[in-house]
Protein backbone atom coordinates (compact mmCIF):
# COMPACT_ATOMS: atom_id res chain seq x y z
CA UNK A 1 79.52 121.86 109.77
CA UNK A 2 80.09 119.64 106.76
CA UNK A 3 83.35 117.72 106.58
CA UNK A 4 85.47 118.58 103.58
CA UNK A 5 87.46 115.91 101.80
CA UNK A 6 89.71 115.85 98.76
CA UNK A 7 87.82 114.87 95.60
CA UNK A 8 88.85 112.17 93.16
CA UNK A 9 90.24 114.57 90.52
CA UNK A 10 92.27 116.52 93.08
CA UNK A 11 93.64 113.31 94.58
CA UNK A 12 94.69 112.12 91.14
CA UNK A 13 96.49 115.40 90.47
CA UNK A 14 98.17 115.24 93.88
CA UNK A 15 99.39 111.73 93.13
CA UNK A 16 100.99 112.90 89.88
CA UNK A 17 102.77 115.71 91.75
CA UNK A 18 104.20 113.28 94.30
CA UNK A 19 105.44 110.96 91.56
CA UNK A 20 106.86 113.75 89.39
CA UNK A 21 110.44 114.96 89.48
CA UNK A 22 109.77 118.52 88.32
CA UNK A 23 107.77 119.74 91.33
CA UNK A 24 109.00 121.76 94.29
CA UNK A 25 109.14 120.43 97.83
CA UNK A 26 106.32 122.82 98.75
CA UNK A 27 104.11 121.42 95.98
CA UNK A 28 104.81 117.89 97.17
CA UNK A 29 103.96 118.81 100.76
CA UNK A 30 100.63 120.30 99.64
CA UNK A 31 99.90 117.21 97.55
CA UNK A 32 100.65 114.93 100.48
CA UNK A 33 98.33 116.96 102.67
CA UNK A 34 95.55 116.68 100.09
CA UNK A 35 95.98 112.91 99.85
CA UNK A 36 95.92 112.54 103.62
CA UNK A 37 92.42 114.07 103.58
CA UNK A 38 91.14 111.69 100.90
CA UNK A 39 88.31 109.34 101.91
CA UNK A 40 89.32 105.74 101.37
CA UNK A 41 86.84 103.22 100.03
CA UNK A 42 86.31 100.11 102.11
């Protein structure tokens, strides 16, 4: 089974949600989850 990771565009959008003031707590939790699955470059 292929591992699934958050893509660059989705990670960027998630970052904006976490930094924004006009998003719900649920949206921020989902964004945090997406960023935790992001592959980090070495």
